[in-house]
Amino acid sequence: MMASSDAENSGPMEPLANHLAKARRQYQQWLDRVTPFVLYRWLGTAGLLALFGLRIVFAQGPKFDPSVQDDILADDMEGGGDGAASPLPSQRDDEFRPFVRRLPEWQFWLSATRATLIAIVCTFFVMFDVPVYWPILVVYWFVLFLLTMRRQIQHMIKYKYIPFDFGRKARYGSGR
């Protein structure tokens, strides 16, 4: 009478679970095979980004605001700027503290490629075509960036890994 317990354990979802497990194994095997080919991986991702850009252009996704053209021209005309300071220590007292990478290249590549593939797939569905006023989107991006990078930004400020320099008192090599 206990022979029916095996039939109870295998439900109607077992074939689907087996197919999903097989697909996960094949995906992991493919990732393991492409790992050593860094240049080709990045070229593939660049190709996907180009494909995404073409998809946006041909779907007429980016809407250009003609009033912004004057701002772009003004920004281009301003251009210029003086040379950036060297990131290396300039005095004997300065301590060189290199930036420690926390996100490996592999994980960055994998995340960028996945995001690009998801973005390409989403462009084919009308339900994802939501009209957005672009300044709100820009503000949203900055808020999202600050919230996700808050800990890293605090660490950079604590150890003076600041990529910009406001209110600098002295410039080296100015001759004064």
N, C-alpha and C. Protein backbone atom coordinates (compact mmCIF):
# COMPACT_ATOMS: atom_id res chain seq x y z
N MET A 1 0.81 -1.19 0.00
CA MET A 1 0.00 0.00 0.00
C MET A 1 0.86 1.26 0.00
N MET A 2 2.15 1.17 0.34
CA MET A 2 3.02 2.34 0.41
C MET A 2 3.61 2.68 -0.95
N ALA A 3 3.38 1.91 -1.98
CA ALA A 3 3.94 2.18 -3.29
C ALA A 3 3.36 3.45 -3.89
N SER A 4 2.22 3.88 -3.43
CA SER A 4 1.59 5.08 -3.96
C SER A 4 2.28 6.35 -3.45
N SER A 5 3.19 6.24 -2.44
CA SER A 5 3.86 7.44 -1.92
C SER A 5 4.81 8.03 -2.97
N ASP A 6 5.42 7.18 -3.83
CA ASP A 6 6.27 7.70 -4.90
C ASP A 6 5.44 8.50 -5.90
N ALA A 7 4.27 8.06 -6.18
CA ALA A 7 3.39 8.77 -7.11
C ALA A 7 2.95 10.09 -6.52
N GLU A 8 2.79 10.12 -5.18
CA GLU A 8 2.38 11.38 -4.53
C GLU A 8 3.49 12.41 -4.56
N ASN A 9 4.76 11.98 -4.45
CA ASN A 9 5.88 12.91 -4.44
C ASN A 9 6.12 13.55 -5.81
N SER A 10 5.83 12.80 -6.88
CA SER A 10 6.01 13.37 -8.22
C SER A 10 4.69 13.98 -8.66
N GLY A 11 4.65 15.30 -8.62
CA GLY A 11 3.43 16.00 -8.99
C GLY A 11 3.47 16.44 -10.44
N PRO A 12 2.48 17.19 -10.84
CA PRO A 12 2.40 17.64 -12.23
C PRO A 12 3.48 18.68 -12.56
N MET A 13 4.11 19.26 -11.57
CA MET A 13 5.13 20.28 -11.80
C MET A 13 6.54 19.70 -11.92
N GLU A 14 6.69 18.41 -11.68
CA GLU A 14 8.03 17.81 -11.71
C GLU A 14 8.69 17.90 -13.08
N PRO A 15 8.00 17.64 -14.20
CA PRO A 15 8.66 17.79 -15.50
C PRO A 15 9.13 19.23 -15.76
N LEU A 16 8.34 20.20 -15.34
CA LEU A 16 8.74 21.60 -15.49
C LEU A 16 9.97 21.91 -14.65
N ALA A 17 9.99 21.39 -13.43
CA ALA A 17 11.16 21.61 -12.56
C ALA A 17 12.41 20.96 -13.16
N ASN A 18 12.25 19.79 -13.76
CA ASN A 18 13.39 19.12 -14.40
C ASN A 18 13.91 19.93 -15.58
N HIS A 19 13.00 20.49 -16.38
CA HIS A 19 13.41 21.31 -17.52
C HIS A 19 14.11 22.59 -17.05
N LEU A 20 13.60 23.19 -15.99
CA LEU A 20 14.24 24.39 -15.45
C LEU A 20 15.64 24.09 -14.92
N ALA A 21 15.79 22.97 -14.24
CA ALA A 21 17.10 22.59 -13.71
C ALA A 21 18.08 22.33 -14.86
N LYS A 22 17.60 21.69 -15.91
CA LYS A 22 18.46 21.43 -17.06
C LYS A 22 18.86 22.74 -17.74
N ALA A 23 17.92 23.67 -17.87
CA ALA A 23 18.22 24.97 -18.48
C ALA A 23 19.23 25.75 -17.64
N ARG A 24 19.11 25.68 -16.32
CA ARG A 24 20.08 26.36 -15.43
C ARG A 24 21.48 25.77 -15.58
N ARG A 25 21.55 24.45 -15.68
CA ARG A 25 22.86 23.80 -15.88
C ARG A 25 23.49 24.21 -17.20
N GLN A 26 22.69 24.22 -18.26
CA GLN A 26 23.21 24.62 -19.56
C GLN A 26 23.65 26.08 -19.56
N TYR A 27 22.90 26.95 -18.91
CA TYR A 27 23.26 28.37 -18.80
C TYR A 27 24.57 28.52 -18.05
N GLN A 28 24.72 27.80 -16.95
CA GLN A 28 25.96 27.87 -16.17
C GLN A 28 27.14 27.32 -16.97
N GLN A 29 26.93 26.25 -17.73
CA GLN A 29 27.99 25.72 -18.58
C GLN A 29 28.42 26.74 -19.63
N TRP A 30 27.45 27.44 -20.22
CA TRP A 30 27.78 28.47 -21.21
C TRP A 30 28.58 29.60 -20.55
N LEU A 31 28.16 30.03 -19.35
CA LEU A 31 28.90 31.08 -18.64
C LEU A 31 30.33 30.63 -18.33
N ASP A 32 30.49 29.37 -17.93
CA ASP A 32 31.83 28.85 -17.64
C ASP A 32 32.71 28.82 -18.89
N ARG A 33 32.09 28.54 -20.05
CA ARG A 33 32.87 28.50 -21.29
C ARG A 33 33.31 29.88 -21.75
N VAL A 34 32.49 30.92 -21.54
CA VAL A 34 32.82 32.26 -22.05
C VAL A 34 33.66 33.08 -21.07
N THR A 35 33.85 32.60 -19.87
CA THR A 35 34.58 33.36 -18.86
C THR A 35 35.97 33.80 -19.30
N PRO A 36 36.80 32.98 -19.89
CA PRO A 36 38.16 33.42 -20.22
C PRO A 36 38.24 34.42 -21.38
N PHE A 37 37.20 34.56 -22.17
CA PHE A 37 37.24 35.40 -23.36
C PHE A 37 36.73 36.82 -23.05
N VAL A 38 37.52 37.59 -22.33
CA VAL A 38 37.11 38.91 -21.86
C VAL A 38 36.79 39.85 -23.02
N LEU A 39 37.69 39.95 -23.98
CA LEU A 39 37.48 40.87 -25.10
C LEU A 39 36.22 40.51 -25.88
N TYR A 40 36.03 39.24 -26.16
CA TYR A 40 34.87 38.83 -26.94
C TYR A 40 33.57 39.03 -26.16
N ARG A 41 33.63 38.83 -24.85
CA ARG A 41 32.44 39.08 -24.03
C ARG A 41 32.02 40.54 -24.13
N TRP A 42 33.01 41.43 -23.98
CA TRP A 42 32.71 42.87 -24.01
C TRP A 42 32.31 43.32 -25.41
N LEU A 43 32.90 42.72 -26.44
CA LEU A 43 32.47 43.05 -27.80
C LEU A 43 31.02 42.61 -28.02
N GLY A 44 30.66 41.46 -27.48
CA GLY A 44 29.28 41.00 -27.57
C GLY A 44 28.32 41.93 -26.85
N THR A 45 28.72 42.40 -25.68
CA THR A 45 27.88 43.33 -24.93
C THR A 45 27.77 44.66 -25.67
N ALA A 46 28.87 45.12 -26.26
CA ALA A 46 28.82 46.36 -27.06
C ALA A 46 27.89 46.17 -28.25
N GLY A 47 27.92 44.99 -28.86
CA GLY A 47 27.00 44.70 -29.95
C GLY A 47 25.54 44.72 -29.50
N LEU A 48 25.29 44.16 -28.32
CA LEU A 48 23.93 44.21 -27.77
C LEU A 48 23.48 45.64 -27.50
N LEU A 49 24.40 46.47 -26.98
CA LEU A 49 24.06 47.87 -26.73
C LEU A 49 23.78 48.60 -28.04
N ALA A 50 24.57 48.30 -29.08
CA ALA A 50 24.31 48.91 -30.39
C ALA A 50 22.96 48.46 -30.93
N LEU A 51 22.65 47.17 -30.77
CA LEU A 51 21.36 46.64 -31.19
C LEU A 51 20.23 47.33 -30.44
N PHE A 52 20.42 47.54 -29.15
CA PHE A 52 19.42 48.23 -28.34
C PHE A 52 19.24 49.66 -28.84
N GLY A 53 20.36 50.34 -29.12
CA GLY A 53 20.27 51.70 -29.64
C GLY A 53 19.53 51.76 -30.97
N LEU A 54 19.83 50.80 -31.86
CA LEU A 54 19.12 50.75 -33.14
C LEU A 54 17.63 50.47 -32.94
N ARG A 55 17.33 49.59 -32.00
CA ARG A 55 15.93 49.28 -31.71
C ARG A 55 15.19 50.53 -31.24
N ILE A 56 15.83 51.32 -30.41
CA ILE A 56 15.22 52.55 -29.90
C ILE A 56 15.00 53.54 -31.05
N VAL A 57 16.02 53.69 -31.91
CA VAL A 57 15.91 54.64 -33.01
C VAL A 57 14.83 54.22 -34.00
N PHE A 58 14.82 52.94 -34.38
CA PHE A 58 13.84 52.48 -35.35
C PHE A 58 12.43 52.43 -34.77
N ALA A 59 12.31 52.25 -33.48
CA ALA A 59 10.99 52.28 -32.84
C ALA A 59 10.59 53.71 -32.54
N GLN A 60 11.47 54.67 -32.87
CA GLN A 60 11.27 56.09 -32.61
C GLN A 60 10.98 56.33 -31.14
N GLY A 61 11.84 55.71 -30.31
CA GLY A 61 11.68 55.82 -28.87
C GLY A 61 12.11 57.16 -28.29
N PRO A 62 13.34 57.62 -28.58
CA PRO A 62 13.75 58.88 -27.94
C PRO A 62 13.07 60.06 -28.61
N LYS A 63 12.36 60.82 -27.86
CA LYS A 63 11.71 62.01 -28.37
C LYS A 63 12.59 63.20 -28.04
N PHE A 64 12.97 63.96 -29.06
CA PHE A 64 13.87 65.08 -28.86
C PHE A 64 13.07 66.36 -28.67
N ASP A 65 13.41 67.10 -27.64
CA ASP A 65 12.78 68.38 -27.35
C ASP A 65 13.58 69.48 -28.03
N PRO A 66 13.01 70.18 -29.03
CA PRO A 66 13.79 71.19 -29.76
C PRO A 66 14.26 72.34 -28.89
N SER A 67 13.59 72.62 -27.79
CA SER A 67 14.01 73.73 -26.94
C SER A 67 15.31 73.43 -26.21
N VAL A 68 15.68 72.17 -26.15
CA VAL A 68 16.92 71.78 -25.47
C VAL A 68 18.13 72.01 -26.37
N GLN A 69 17.91 72.13 -27.68
CA GLN A 69 19.00 72.28 -28.62
C GLN A 69 19.85 73.51 -28.30
N ASP A 70 19.21 74.60 -27.89
CA ASP A 70 19.97 75.81 -27.53
C ASP A 70 20.87 75.55 -26.32
N ASP A 71 20.36 74.80 -25.34
CA ASP A 71 21.17 74.47 -24.16
C ASP A 71 22.37 73.61 -24.54
N ILE A 72 22.17 72.66 -25.43
CA ILE A 72 23.26 71.80 -25.86
C ILE A 72 24.33 72.61 -26.59
N LEU A 73 23.91 73.50 -27.47
CA LEU A 73 24.87 74.34 -28.18
C LEU A 73 25.64 75.24 -27.22
N ALA A 74 24.95 75.79 -26.21
CA ALA A 74 25.62 76.65 -25.24
C ALA A 74 26.65 75.85 -24.43
N ASP A 75 26.29 74.63 -24.05
CA ASP A 75 27.24 73.80 -23.30
C ASP A 75 28.47 73.45 -24.14
N ASP A 76 28.24 73.18 -25.42
CA ASP A 76 29.37 72.87 -26.31
C ASP A 76 30.29 74.06 -26.48
N MET A 77 29.73 75.24 -26.53
CA MET A 77 30.55 76.44 -26.71
C MET A 77 31.38 76.75 -25.48
N GLU A 78 30.81 76.46 -24.30
CA GLU A 78 31.56 76.74 -23.06
C GLU A 78 32.77 75.85 -22.97
N GLY A 79 32.61 74.54 -23.15
CA GLY A 79 33.70 73.56 -23.19
C GLY A 79 34.88 73.94 -22.33
N GLY A 80 36.08 73.82 -22.88
CA GLY A 80 37.31 74.26 -22.23
C GLY A 80 37.54 73.64 -20.87
N GLY A 81 38.38 74.26 -20.07
CA GLY A 81 38.72 73.78 -18.75
C GLY A 81 40.20 73.55 -18.65
N ASP A 82 40.73 73.66 -17.44
CA ASP A 82 42.16 73.46 -17.27
C ASP A 82 42.45 72.02 -16.89
N GLY A 83 43.70 71.68 -16.97
CA GLY A 83 44.13 70.29 -16.73
C GLY A 83 43.78 69.80 -15.34
N ALA A 84 43.54 68.52 -15.22
CA ALA A 84 43.19 67.93 -13.93
C ALA A 84 44.45 67.65 -13.13
N ALA A 85 44.31 67.67 -11.83
CA ALA A 85 45.44 67.39 -10.95
C ALA A 85 45.76 65.90 -11.01
N SER A 86 47.00 65.57 -10.76
CA SER A 86 47.44 64.18 -10.78
C SER A 86 46.89 63.44 -9.57
N PRO A 87 46.42 62.19 -9.76
CA PRO A 87 45.91 61.43 -8.62
C PRO A 87 47.03 60.87 -7.74
N LEU A 88 48.28 60.97 -8.20
CA LEU A 88 49.39 60.45 -7.42
C LEU A 88 49.81 61.47 -6.36
N PRO A 89 50.48 61.01 -5.30
CA PRO A 89 50.92 61.95 -4.28
C PRO A 89 51.90 62.97 -4.85
N SER A 90 51.74 64.22 -4.45
CA SER A 90 52.60 65.27 -4.98
C SER A 90 53.65 65.72 -3.95
N GLN A 91 53.52 65.29 -2.72
CA GLN A 91 54.49 65.62 -1.69
C GLN A 91 54.89 64.34 -0.98
N ARG A 92 55.98 64.40 -0.24
CA ARG A 92 56.40 63.19 0.50
C ARG A 92 55.42 62.83 1.60
N ASP A 93 54.73 63.81 2.14
CA ASP A 93 53.81 63.54 3.25
C ASP A 93 52.51 62.88 2.77
N ASP A 94 52.20 63.08 1.50
CA ASP A 94 50.97 62.49 0.98
C ASP A 94 51.12 60.97 0.91
N GLU A 95 50.05 60.29 1.30
CA GLU A 95 50.06 58.83 1.25
C GLU A 95 49.25 58.39 0.03
N PHE A 96 49.80 57.50 -0.75
CA PHE A 96 49.09 56.98 -1.91
C PHE A 96 48.17 55.86 -1.45
N ARG A 97 46.87 56.06 -1.64
CA ARG A 97 45.89 55.05 -1.26
C ARG A 97 45.13 54.64 -2.51
N PRO A 98 45.47 53.52 -3.08
CA PRO A 98 44.81 53.11 -4.32
C PRO A 98 43.35 52.74 -4.09
N PHE A 99 42.56 52.91 -5.12
CA PHE A 99 41.15 52.55 -5.07
C PHE A 99 41.03 51.03 -5.15
N VAL A 100 40.33 50.45 -4.20
CA VAL A 100 40.16 49.00 -4.16
C VAL A 100 38.86 48.65 -4.89
N ARG A 101 38.97 47.84 -5.92
CA ARG A 101 37.80 47.45 -6.70
C ARG A 101 36.96 46.48 -5.89
N ARG A 102 35.69 46.78 -5.75
CA ARG A 102 34.79 45.90 -4.99
C ARG A 102 33.90 45.06 -5.90
N LEU A 103 33.73 45.50 -7.15
CA LEU A 103 32.90 44.78 -8.09
C LEU A 103 33.79 44.17 -9.17
N PRO A 104 33.93 42.87 -9.20
CA PRO A 104 34.79 42.23 -10.21
C PRO A 104 34.25 42.48 -11.62
N GLU A 105 35.16 42.46 -12.58
CA GLU A 105 34.81 42.71 -13.98
C GLU A 105 33.76 41.72 -14.46
N TRP A 106 33.89 40.48 -14.04
CA TRP A 106 32.95 39.44 -14.48
C TRP A 106 31.53 39.76 -14.06
N GLN A 107 31.35 40.15 -12.80
CA GLN A 107 30.00 40.46 -12.32
C GLN A 107 29.44 41.70 -13.01
N PHE A 108 30.29 42.69 -13.24
CA PHE A 108 29.85 43.89 -13.94
C PHE A 108 29.41 43.54 -15.36
N TRP A 109 30.21 42.73 -16.05
CA TRP A 109 29.86 42.34 -17.41
C TRP A 109 28.54 41.57 -17.42
N LEU A 110 28.40 40.62 -16.52
CA LEU A 110 27.19 39.80 -16.49
C LEU A 110 25.96 40.66 -16.21
N SER A 111 26.05 41.58 -15.26
CA SER A 111 24.92 42.45 -14.95
C SER A 111 24.59 43.37 -16.12
N ALA A 112 25.62 43.93 -16.76
CA ALA A 112 25.38 44.82 -17.90
C ALA A 112 24.74 44.07 -19.06
N THR A 113 25.20 42.86 -19.31
CA THR A 113 24.65 42.08 -20.41
C THR A 113 23.21 41.67 -20.13
N ARG A 114 22.95 41.22 -18.92
CA ARG A 114 21.57 40.85 -18.55
C ARG A 114 20.64 42.05 -18.67
N ALA A 115 21.06 43.20 -18.15
CA ALA A 115 20.23 44.40 -18.21
C ALA A 115 19.95 44.81 -19.65
N THR A 116 20.95 44.70 -20.50
CA THR A 116 20.76 45.06 -21.90
C THR A 116 19.79 44.11 -22.59
N LEU A 117 19.93 42.81 -22.32
CA LEU A 117 19.00 41.84 -22.91
C LEU A 117 17.57 42.06 -22.44
N ILE A 118 17.41 42.34 -21.15
CA ILE A 118 16.07 42.62 -20.62
C ILE A 118 15.50 43.88 -21.26
N ALA A 119 16.34 44.90 -21.43
CA ALA A 119 15.88 46.15 -22.05
C ALA A 119 15.45 45.92 -23.49
N ILE A 120 16.22 45.11 -24.22
CA ILE A 120 15.85 44.82 -25.61
C ILE A 120 14.51 44.10 -25.67
N VAL A 121 14.32 43.10 -24.81
CA VAL A 121 13.06 42.36 -24.80
C VAL A 121 11.89 43.28 -24.43
N CYS A 122 12.11 44.17 -23.47
CA CYS A 122 11.03 45.06 -23.03
C CYS A 122 10.60 46.04 -24.11
N THR A 123 11.48 46.35 -25.06
CA THR A 123 11.09 47.30 -26.12
C THR A 123 10.08 46.71 -27.08
N PHE A 124 9.89 45.41 -27.06
CA PHE A 124 8.94 44.78 -27.98
C PHE A 124 7.52 44.72 -27.42
N PHE A 125 7.30 45.16 -26.19
CA PHE A 125 5.98 45.09 -25.58
C PHE A 125 5.46 46.49 -25.31
N VAL A 126 4.23 46.74 -25.73
CA VAL A 126 3.63 48.07 -25.60
C VAL A 126 3.37 48.43 -24.14
N MET A 127 3.15 47.45 -23.30
CA MET A 127 2.83 47.76 -21.90
C MET A 127 4.00 48.44 -21.18
N PHE A 128 5.23 48.29 -21.71
CA PHE A 128 6.39 48.95 -21.11
C PHE A 128 6.66 50.33 -21.71
N ASP A 129 5.85 50.74 -22.69
CA ASP A 129 6.02 52.03 -23.34
C ASP A 129 5.26 53.09 -22.55
N VAL A 130 5.86 53.55 -21.47
CA VAL A 130 5.24 54.51 -20.58
C VAL A 130 5.79 55.90 -20.87
N PRO A 131 4.92 56.87 -21.15
CA PRO A 131 5.44 58.22 -21.40
C PRO A 131 5.95 58.84 -20.09
N VAL A 132 7.15 59.40 -20.17
CA VAL A 132 7.78 59.98 -18.99
C VAL A 132 8.32 61.34 -19.36
N TYR A 133 8.08 62.33 -18.51
CA TYR A 133 8.66 63.65 -18.69
C TYR A 133 10.13 63.55 -18.32
N TRP A 134 11.04 63.85 -19.24
CA TRP A 134 12.45 63.53 -19.08
C TRP A 134 13.11 64.16 -17.85
N PRO A 135 12.77 65.39 -17.42
CA PRO A 135 13.45 65.90 -16.21
C PRO A 135 13.14 65.05 -14.97
N ILE A 136 11.93 64.51 -14.90
CA ILE A 136 11.60 63.64 -13.77
C ILE A 136 12.44 62.37 -13.82
N LEU A 137 12.65 61.86 -15.01
CA LEU A 137 13.48 60.67 -15.18
C LEU A 137 14.92 60.93 -14.75
N VAL A 138 15.45 62.10 -15.09
CA VAL A 138 16.82 62.44 -14.71
C VAL A 138 16.93 62.57 -13.19
N VAL A 139 15.98 63.24 -12.56
CA VAL A 139 15.99 63.37 -11.10
C VAL A 139 15.87 61.99 -10.45
N TYR A 140 15.01 61.14 -10.99
CA TYR A 140 14.85 59.79 -10.47
C TYR A 140 16.17 59.03 -10.55
N TRP A 141 16.89 59.18 -11.67
CA TRP A 141 18.16 58.49 -11.84
C TRP A 141 19.17 58.96 -10.79
N PHE A 142 19.26 60.28 -10.56
CA PHE A 142 20.19 60.78 -9.56
C PHE A 142 19.83 60.30 -8.16
N VAL A 143 18.56 60.31 -7.82
CA VAL A 143 18.14 59.82 -6.49
C VAL A 143 18.47 58.35 -6.34
N LEU A 144 18.18 57.56 -7.36
CA LEU A 144 18.48 56.13 -7.32
C LEU A 144 19.98 55.89 -7.20
N PHE A 145 20.78 56.66 -7.95
CA PHE A 145 22.24 56.54 -7.88
C PHE A 145 22.73 56.87 -6.47
N LEU A 146 22.25 57.97 -5.90
CA LEU A 146 22.71 58.36 -4.57
C LEU A 146 22.30 57.35 -3.50
N LEU A 147 21.10 56.80 -3.63
CA LEU A 147 20.66 55.82 -2.63
C LEU A 147 21.47 54.52 -2.72
N THR A 148 21.79 54.09 -3.93
CA THR A 148 22.53 52.84 -4.06
C THR A 148 24.01 53.02 -3.80
N MET A 149 24.54 54.20 -4.02
CA MET A 149 25.98 54.44 -3.88
C MET A 149 26.32 55.17 -2.57
N ARG A 150 25.35 55.36 -1.70
CA ARG A 150 25.56 56.14 -0.48
C ARG A 150 26.73 55.62 0.35
N ARG A 151 26.75 54.32 0.58
CA ARG A 151 27.82 53.76 1.40
C ARG A 151 29.19 53.94 0.74
N GLN A 152 29.24 53.73 -0.57
CA GLN A 152 30.51 53.90 -1.27
C GLN A 152 30.96 55.35 -1.29
N ILE A 153 30.01 56.26 -1.46
CA ILE A 153 30.35 57.69 -1.46
C ILE A 153 30.85 58.11 -0.08
N GLN A 154 30.20 57.64 0.98
CA GLN A 154 30.67 57.95 2.33
C GLN A 154 32.08 57.41 2.56
N HIS A 155 32.36 56.21 2.08
CA HIS A 155 33.69 55.62 2.21
C HIS A 155 34.72 56.45 1.45
N MET A 156 34.36 56.90 0.25
CA MET A 156 35.27 57.71 -0.54
C MET A 156 35.57 59.04 0.15
N ILE A 157 34.57 59.64 0.73
CA ILE A 157 34.78 60.91 1.42
C ILE A 157 35.62 60.70 2.67
N LYS A 158 35.37 59.62 3.39
CA LYS A 158 36.13 59.34 4.61
C LYS A 158 37.61 59.19 4.33
N TYR A 159 37.95 58.48 3.24
CA TYR A 159 39.35 58.22 2.91
C TYR A 159 39.88 59.14 1.81
N LYS A 160 39.13 60.21 1.55
CA LYS A 160 39.53 61.25 0.58
C LYS A 160 39.76 60.69 -0.82
N TYR A 161 38.90 59.77 -1.23
CA TYR A 161 38.91 59.28 -2.61
C TYR A 161 37.87 60.07 -3.38
N ILE A 162 38.05 61.37 -3.49
CA ILE A 162 37.06 62.21 -4.12
C ILE A 162 37.51 62.49 -5.56
N PRO A 163 36.67 62.16 -6.54
CA PRO A 163 37.08 62.35 -7.93
C PRO A 163 37.05 63.81 -8.38
N PHE A 164 36.51 64.68 -7.56
CA PHE A 164 36.47 66.10 -7.90
C PHE A 164 36.98 66.88 -6.71
N ASP A 165 37.32 68.13 -6.92
CA ASP A 165 37.92 68.92 -5.86
C ASP A 165 37.32 70.32 -5.86
N PHE A 166 36.50 70.61 -4.84
CA PHE A 166 35.89 71.93 -4.71
C PHE A 166 36.68 72.77 -3.73
N GLY A 167 36.83 74.03 -4.00
CA GLY A 167 37.45 74.96 -3.07
C GLY A 167 38.91 74.71 -2.82
N ARG A 168 39.62 74.27 -3.81
CA ARG A 168 41.04 73.98 -3.63
C ARG A 168 41.78 75.30 -3.42
N LYS A 169 42.63 75.35 -2.40
CA LYS A 169 43.32 76.58 -2.05
C LYS A 169 44.57 76.82 -2.90
N ALA A 170 45.34 75.79 -3.17
CA ALA A 170 46.61 75.97 -3.88
C ALA A 170 46.65 75.06 -5.10
N ARG A 171 47.24 75.55 -6.15
CA ARG A 171 47.42 74.75 -7.35
C ARG A 171 48.91 74.51 -7.52
N TYR A 172 49.27 73.28 -7.75
CA TYR A 172 50.67 72.94 -7.92
C TYR A 172 51.11 73.31 -9.33
N GLY A 173 52.32 73.86 -9.43
CA GLY A 173 52.86 74.22 -10.74
C GLY A 173 52.35 75.52 -11.28
N SER A 174 51.66 76.32 -10.45
CA SER A 174 51.13 77.59 -10.94
C SER A 174 52.18 78.68 -10.94
N GLY A 175 53.32 78.48 -10.23
CA GLY A 175 54.42 79.43 -10.24
C GLY A 175 54.25 80.59 -9.28
N ARG A 176 53.29 80.56 -8.40
CA ARG A 176 53.08 81.66 -7.45
C ARG A 176 53.65 81.38 -6.12
